[in-house]
Amino acid sequence: MSFFTNKVPPTYKGEIRLDKYIASLPNGMNRSKLKSGIVCIQVNGKKQKISCQVKANDIIDIQWEENVPDNIEPENIPLDTIYEDENVCVVNKKQGMVTHPAAGNWKGTLVNALLYHWGRESIPELKEGQVSKILSNRRPGIVHRLDKETSGIIITAKNHDTEEFLSAQFRNHSSIVKEYIAICIGRPQHQHGIIQTNIIRDPKERKRFKAVVGTEEGKPAESYYECISCYGEYSLMKVRINTGRTHQIRVHMKYLNCPILGDGIYAHQDKKFPKATLMLNARLLKIKIPGKEELSIFKSPTPERFIEVMKVLKRDYTKVILPKDK
């Protein structure tokens, strides 16, 4: 991973596209290289597009991937397929698998596995054109994503029409139900509730996000949570999301003072479960698929890591059900 920082001189006149400005610098990079390997662009600490305008005194921070492959290759990676027809493929994604190729993860992704599973050819990497087209080229059939360490249900499209059909539902949140289970550290104050915040990138650490209120910064995010049961200072939670922001559930559980067990970004290492990995699983997806009159419901089985942690909790603590709010 490479990093580039530059401050536009105070004497600079007017405004210019960021990519053109970077290409004009003695130590800059050409626009093709910048587009194909882009990871993150920030101007004055805020995430921006490559086409944004910069002016005098702006501070530009760019992160990009040096060795972008020429092709996205099919790979013979076993998949836990829940359902498949001529239009969709629903997979129970294992923990640790990245959804689609991106900086630092060009191989071993769900896309690589799907290309092989569907008998597709390799995908040539785009080196020129709009950033949105370069990025979408790397993720055929992907209409939503799960974090690398989040397991569970993910639906993919096997053709362009289906991709548009599913994407519209995720974009408009029309009739879709996305439900997760999580084991959290701490007890919520209420048995259930709705978390409504904006989510912004943490200015102190670009890998983290923050939930904020009372500001127009960031993007709105809404999650509904229900505490199923408590064991000591641990809680088994059910979460449904009405938006799809990056790290949304992880950020909202942190905001609730109930960070998810095993979360290496938003929670401290737990003394009782020091080796725990992220206890978050996409357990249910309710969505309309082509050719079906009714909404389809797909469920994932409870992951083994959840079963093992729950065995310990049930052994060591008495189950508590929080009273419902009146």
Protein backbone atom coordinates (compact mmCIF):
# COMPACT_ATOMS: atom_id res chain seq x y z
CA MET A 1 0.00 0.00 0.00
CA SER A 2 1.32 3.44 -0.93
CA PHE A 3 0.52 6.84 0.51
CA PHE A 4 0.83 10.32 -0.95
CA THR A 5 0.35 13.64 0.83
CA ASN A 6 0.49 17.08 -0.72
CA LYS A 7 -0.56 20.59 0.25
CA VAL A 8 -1.69 22.85 -2.57
CA PRO A 9 0.55 25.94 -2.38
CA PRO A 10 -1.08 29.07 -0.92
CA THR A 11 -0.13 30.94 -4.10
CA TYR A 12 -2.07 28.55 -6.34
CA LYS A 13 -4.69 30.38 -8.37
CA GLY A 14 -8.18 29.07 -9.10
CA GLU A 15 -9.42 25.47 -8.84
CA ILE A 16 -8.45 22.28 -10.67
CA ARG A 17 -9.58 18.64 -10.72
CA LEU A 18 -7.67 16.63 -8.18
CA ASP A 19 -6.43 14.01 -10.64
CA LYS A 20 -5.16 16.68 -13.03
CA TYR A 21 -3.40 18.46 -10.19
CA ILE A 22 -1.68 15.27 -8.98
CA ALA A 23 -0.57 14.40 -12.53
CA SER A 24 1.01 17.84 -12.89
CA LEU A 25 3.28 17.43 -9.86
CA PRO A 26 6.95 16.39 -10.26
CA ASN A 27 6.41 13.53 -7.78
CA GLY A 28 2.83 12.85 -8.82
CA MET A 29 1.37 9.94 -10.74
CA ASN A 30 -0.46 9.69 -14.03
CA ARG A 31 -4.23 9.64 -13.98
CA SER A 32 -4.44 6.05 -15.25
CA LYS A 33 -2.35 4.70 -12.38
CA LEU A 34 -4.27 6.77 -9.87
CA LYS A 35 -7.66 5.56 -11.12
CA SER A 36 -6.84 1.87 -11.34
CA GLY A 37 -5.21 1.58 -7.93
CA ILE A 38 -7.22 4.06 -5.90
CA VAL A 39 -8.12 3.08 -2.33
CA CYS A 40 -8.97 6.32 -0.58
CA ILE A 41 -8.77 10.05 -1.28
CA GLN A 42 -9.17 12.66 1.43
CA VAL A 43 -9.06 16.43 1.06
CA ASN A 44 -8.73 18.32 4.33
CA GLY A 45 -9.60 15.13 6.18
CA LYS A 46 -12.82 14.43 4.28
CA LYS A 47 -13.30 11.60 1.79
CA GLN A 48 -13.57 12.87 -1.77
CA LYS A 49 -13.84 11.63 -5.35
CA ILE A 50 -11.00 11.78 -7.82
CA SER A 51 -12.95 14.40 -9.78
CA CYS A 52 -13.26 16.89 -6.92
CA GLN A 53 -11.89 20.41 -7.26
CA VAL A 54 -8.89 21.46 -5.16
CA LYS A 55 -7.62 24.94 -4.42
CA ALA A 56 -4.89 26.79 -2.51
CA ASN A 57 -4.03 25.40 0.96
CA ASP A 58 -6.00 22.16 0.47
CA ILE A 59 -4.31 19.14 2.04
CA ILE A 60 -4.57 16.02 -0.13
CA ASP A 61 -4.07 12.49 1.23
CA ILE A 62 -4.16 9.58 -1.21
CA GLN A 63 -3.84 5.86 -0.57
CA TRP A 64 -3.48 3.49 -3.51
CA GLU A 65 -2.47 -0.04 -4.43
CA GLU A 66 0.74 -0.39 -6.40
CA ASN A 67 0.37 -3.84 -7.94
CA VAL A 68 -3.11 -3.99 -9.43
CA PRO A 69 -3.46 -7.30 -11.34
CA ASP A 70 -4.21 -7.36 -15.06
CA ASN A 71 -7.10 -9.79 -14.58
CA ILE A 72 -9.58 -10.95 -11.96
CA GLU A 73 -9.18 -14.72 -12.17
CA PRO A 74 -11.69 -17.54 -11.45
CA GLU A 75 -10.58 -19.62 -8.46
CA ASN A 76 -11.72 -23.05 -7.34
CA ILE A 77 -12.86 -22.05 -3.86
CA PRO A 78 -15.64 -24.11 -2.23
CA LEU A 79 -18.88 -22.20 -1.62
CA ASP A 80 -21.72 -22.92 0.79
CA THR A 81 -24.57 -22.33 -1.64
CA ILE A 82 -27.99 -21.86 0.00
CA TYR A 83 -30.01 -21.37 -3.19
CA GLU A 84 -29.32 -21.01 -6.90
CA ASP A 85 -31.31 -20.62 -10.09
CA GLU A 86 -30.68 -19.07 -13.52
CA ASN A 87 -30.75 -15.55 -12.05
CA VAL A 88 -29.35 -15.56 -8.52
CA CYS A 89 -26.91 -17.39 -6.32
CA VAL A 90 -27.33 -17.12 -2.55
CA VAL A 91 -24.24 -17.98 -0.54
CA ASN A 92 -23.54 -18.47 3.14
CA LYS A 93 -20.28 -16.52 3.14
CA LYS A 94 -17.65 -17.85 5.50
CA GLN A 95 -15.87 -15.58 7.94
CA GLY A 96 -12.59 -14.27 6.55
CA MET A 97 -13.68 -14.14 2.90
CA VAL A 98 -13.63 -10.74 1.19
CA THR A 99 -16.68 -10.04 -0.99
CA HIS A 100 -14.91 -8.65 -4.06
CA PRO A 101 -11.37 -7.84 -5.24
CA ALA A 102 -9.96 -4.57 -3.93
CA ALA A 103 -6.71 -3.15 -2.65
CA GLY A 104 -4.86 -5.75 -0.60
CA ASN A 105 -7.29 -8.53 -1.53
CA TRP A 106 -7.01 -9.37 -5.21
CA LYS A 107 -7.40 -13.13 -4.75
CA GLY A 108 -9.52 -15.51 -2.72
CA THR A 109 -12.64 -13.35 -2.81
CA LEU A 110 -16.26 -14.34 -3.30
CA VAL A 111 -16.10 -12.91 -6.85
CA ASN A 112 -13.12 -15.13 -7.70
CA ALA A 113 -15.04 -18.14 -6.39
CA LEU A 114 -18.24 -17.22 -8.26
CA LEU A 115 -16.43 -16.80 -11.57
CA TYR A 116 -15.18 -20.39 -11.26
CA HIS A 117 -18.52 -21.69 -9.97
CA TRP A 118 -20.37 -20.10 -12.89
CA GLY A 119 -17.81 -21.24 -15.46
CA ARG A 120 -16.86 -17.67 -16.39
CA GLU A 121 -13.65 -16.39 -17.93
CA SER A 122 -11.22 -14.06 -16.19
CA ILE A 123 -12.14 -10.37 -16.13
CA PRO A 124 -9.62 -7.94 -17.65
CA GLU A 125 -8.80 -5.14 -15.23
CA LEU A 126 -9.79 -1.71 -16.57
CA LYS A 127 -6.93 0.79 -16.56
CA GLU A 128 -8.76 3.75 -18.06
CA GLY A 129 -12.18 5.34 -17.70
CA GLN A 130 -14.43 6.48 -14.86
CA VAL A 131 -13.50 5.31 -11.37
CA SER A 132 -17.05 3.97 -10.85
CA LYS A 133 -16.73 1.77 -13.94
CA ILE A 134 -13.25 0.57 -12.91
CA LEU A 135 -14.56 -0.46 -9.50
CA SER A 136 -17.81 -2.03 -10.75
CA ASN A 137 -15.82 -4.09 -13.26
CA ARG A 138 -14.15 -5.86 -10.33
CA ARG A 139 -17.39 -7.00 -8.72
CA PRO A 140 -19.71 -8.66 -11.25
CA GLY A 141 -22.95 -9.84 -9.67
CA ILE A 142 -22.28 -8.15 -6.33
CA VAL A 143 -25.29 -6.08 -5.24
CA HIS A 144 -24.42 -5.80 -1.54
CA ARG A 145 -21.51 -6.80 0.61
CA LEU A 146 -20.51 -8.15 4.00
CA ASP A 147 -17.36 -7.19 5.89
CA LYS A 148 -14.53 -9.69 5.61
CA GLU A 149 -15.04 -10.93 9.18
CA THR A 150 -18.85 -10.97 8.98
CA SER A 151 -20.30 -14.31 7.95
CA GLY A 152 -23.71 -15.17 6.57
CA ILE A 153 -26.20 -14.66 3.77
CA ILE A 154 -25.23 -12.76 0.65
CA ILE A 155 -27.18 -12.75 -2.62
CA THR A 156 -25.47 -12.34 -6.00
CA ALA A 157 -26.78 -11.75 -9.52
CA LYS A 158 -25.90 -14.00 -12.47
CA ASN A 159 -26.88 -11.55 -15.19
CA HIS A 160 -27.13 -7.80 -15.75
CA ASP A 161 -30.94 -7.58 -15.57
CA THR A 162 -30.99 -9.37 -12.23
CA GLU A 163 -28.18 -7.18 -10.93
CA GLU A 164 -30.28 -4.11 -11.71
CA PHE A 165 -33.41 -5.72 -10.24
CA LEU A 166 -31.71 -6.56 -6.92
CA SER A 167 -29.65 -3.38 -6.72
CA ALA A 168 -32.79 -1.26 -6.95
CA GLN A 169 -34.22 -3.02 -3.89
CA PHE A 170 -31.05 -2.49 -1.86
CA ARG A 171 -30.85 1.11 -3.04
CA ASN A 172 -34.46 1.92 -2.16
CA HIS A 173 -34.74 -0.46 0.82
CA SER A 174 -38.11 -1.50 -0.59
CA SER A 175 -39.47 -4.54 1.25
CA ILE A 176 -35.97 -5.89 1.95
CA VAL A 177 -35.31 -7.35 5.40
CA LYS A 178 -31.68 -7.81 6.49
CA GLU A 179 -31.32 -9.42 9.90
CA TYR A 180 -28.16 -10.19 11.84
CA ILE A 181 -27.27 -11.83 15.12
CA ALA A 182 -24.42 -10.62 17.30
CA ILE A 183 -22.88 -11.47 20.64
CA CYS A 184 -21.99 -8.21 22.35
CA ILE A 185 -19.98 -7.15 25.37
CA GLY A 186 -22.26 -5.26 27.76
CA ARG A 187 -26.00 -4.92 28.29
CA PRO A 188 -28.16 -2.35 26.52
CA GLN A 189 -30.26 -0.01 28.64
CA HIS A 190 -33.42 -1.06 26.81
CA GLN A 191 -34.67 -4.41 25.56
CA HIS A 192 -35.13 -3.02 22.06
CA GLY A 193 -34.83 0.25 20.21
CA ILE A 194 -33.95 2.14 17.04
CA ILE A 195 -30.52 3.72 16.57
CA GLN A 196 -30.58 6.70 14.22
CA THR A 197 -27.30 8.52 13.63
CA ASN A 198 -25.04 9.71 10.87
CA ILE A 199 -21.89 7.71 10.25
CA ILE A 200 -18.61 9.44 9.43
CA ARG A 201 -15.06 8.25 8.94
CA ASP A 202 -13.05 8.68 12.13
CA PRO A 203 -10.65 11.58 11.42
CA LYS A 204 -8.08 10.01 13.76
CA GLU A 205 -8.09 6.54 12.18
CA ARG A 206 -9.24 5.95 8.59
CA LYS A 207 -10.12 2.29 9.22
CA ARG A 208 -12.71 3.30 11.80
CA PHE A 209 -16.09 4.97 11.52
CA LYS A 210 -18.06 6.94 14.10
CA ALA A 211 -21.73 7.42 14.88
CA VAL A 212 -22.59 11.10 15.26
CA VAL A 213 -25.80 13.06 15.89
CA GLY A 214 -26.74 16.69 15.54
CA THR A 215 -24.69 17.19 12.40
CA GLU A 216 -25.10 16.98 8.65
CA GLU A 217 -21.72 15.31 8.30
CA GLY A 218 -21.57 11.76 6.99
CA LYS A 219 -24.48 9.59 5.88
CA PRO A 220 -27.66 8.70 7.80
CA ALA A 221 -27.84 5.20 9.25
CA GLU A 222 -30.69 3.39 10.98
CA SER A 223 -30.61 0.10 12.88
CA TYR A 224 -33.26 -1.69 14.92
CA TYR A 225 -31.96 -3.88 17.74
CA GLU A 226 -33.54 -6.39 20.07
CA CYS A 227 -31.74 -7.96 23.02
CA ILE A 228 -32.71 -11.62 22.95
CA SER A 229 -31.03 -12.50 26.24
CA CYS A 230 -28.16 -11.57 28.56
CA TYR A 231 -25.54 -13.76 30.21
CA GLY A 232 -23.51 -11.87 32.79
CA GLU A 233 -22.22 -8.81 30.96
CA TYR A 234 -22.73 -10.34 27.52
CA SER A 235 -25.78 -9.91 25.29
CA LEU A 236 -27.18 -11.91 22.41
CA MET A 237 -28.63 -9.36 20.01
CA LYS A 238 -30.78 -9.39 16.89
CA VAL A 239 -30.25 -6.43 14.57
CA ARG A 240 -32.13 -5.31 11.46
CA ILE A 241 -30.71 -2.53 9.32
CA ASN A 242 -32.65 -0.08 7.19
CA THR A 243 -29.51 1.37 5.60
CA GLY A 244 -26.28 -0.24 4.47
CA ARG A 245 -23.39 1.87 5.68
CA THR A 246 -19.88 0.49 6.04
CA HIS A 247 -19.45 -1.12 9.51
CA GLN A 248 -22.96 0.08 10.39
CA ILE A 249 -23.88 -2.59 12.95
CA ARG A 250 -20.41 -2.60 14.47
CA VAL A 251 -20.48 1.20 14.84
CA HIS A 252 -24.02 1.25 16.20
CA MET A 253 -23.34 -1.45 18.78
CA LYS A 254 -20.31 0.55 19.90
CA TYR A 255 -22.55 3.63 20.10
CA LEU A 256 -24.91 1.59 22.28
CA ASN A 257 -21.97 0.78 24.59
CA CYS A 258 -22.33 -2.85 23.56
CA PRO A 259 -19.44 -3.47 21.13
CA ILE A 260 -19.47 -6.80 19.34
CA LEU A 261 -17.33 -9.52 20.87
CA GLY A 262 -14.20 -10.18 18.81
CA ASP A 263 -14.35 -6.86 16.95
CA GLY A 264 -10.71 -5.88 16.51
CA ILE A 265 -11.59 -2.30 15.54
CA TYR A 266 -14.41 -1.22 17.85
CA ALA A 267 -13.91 -3.41 20.93
CA HIS A 268 -11.05 -4.20 23.27
CA GLN A 269 -9.79 -7.77 23.48
CA ASP A 270 -12.10 -9.61 25.85
CA LYS A 271 -10.48 -11.37 28.83
CA LYS A 272 -12.98 -14.24 28.88
CA PHE A 273 -12.79 -14.84 25.13
CA PRO A 274 -9.35 -13.52 24.09
CA LYS A 275 -9.33 -15.54 20.85
CA ALA A 276 -12.85 -14.62 19.77
CA THR A 277 -13.32 -13.45 16.18
CA LEU A 278 -16.09 -11.06 15.14
CA MET A 279 -19.37 -12.41 16.50
CA LEU A 280 -21.60 -11.02 13.76
CA ASN A 281 -23.58 -13.13 11.32
CA ALA A 282 -26.06 -12.17 8.59
CA ARG A 283 -28.70 -14.74 9.47
CA LEU A 284 -31.64 -13.75 7.28
CA LEU A 285 -32.36 -11.98 4.01
CA LYS A 286 -35.89 -11.37 2.76
CA ILE A 287 -35.97 -10.10 -0.83
CA LYS A 288 -37.87 -10.37 -4.09
CA ILE A 289 -36.06 -12.30 -6.81
CA PRO A 290 -36.89 -12.53 -10.53
CA GLY A 291 -39.55 -15.08 -11.41
CA LYS A 292 -41.02 -15.32 -7.89
CA GLU A 293 -44.37 -13.84 -6.91
CA GLU A 294 -43.68 -13.74 -3.19
CA LEU A 295 -40.71 -12.43 -1.29
CA SER A 296 -38.03 -15.09 -0.83
CA ILE A 297 -36.52 -15.75 2.59
CA PHE A 298 -32.98 -17.09 2.94
CA LYS A 299 -31.43 -18.11 6.26
CA SER A 300 -27.98 -19.15 7.37
CA PRO A 301 -27.34 -21.74 10.10
CA THR A 302 -25.84 -20.55 13.37
CA PRO A 303 -22.05 -20.47 12.94
CA GLU A 304 -19.96 -22.86 15.01
CA ARG A 305 -18.10 -19.95 16.64
CA PHE A 306 -21.43 -18.68 18.03
CA ILE A 307 -22.35 -22.13 19.33
CA GLU A 308 -19.03 -22.47 21.17
CA VAL A 309 -19.26 -19.04 22.83
CA MET A 310 -22.89 -19.59 23.82
CA LYS A 311 -21.98 -22.92 25.45
CA VAL A 312 -19.56 -21.10 27.75
CA LEU A 313 -22.02 -18.29 28.51
CA LYS A 314 -24.83 -20.71 29.34
CA ARG A 315 -22.46 -22.73 31.53
CA ASP A 316 -21.12 -19.76 33.50
CA TYR A 317 -24.10 -17.40 33.75
CA THR A 318 -27.84 -17.40 34.35
CA LYS A 319 -29.90 -16.37 31.36
CA VAL A 320 -31.60 -13.00 31.83
CA ILE A 321 -34.37 -11.56 29.67
CA LEU A 322 -34.53 -7.77 29.86
CA PRO A 323 -38.01 -6.37 30.59
CA LYS A 324 -39.78 -4.80 27.64
CA ASP A 325 -40.32 -1.07 27.80
CA LYS A 326 -43.86 -0.02 28.61
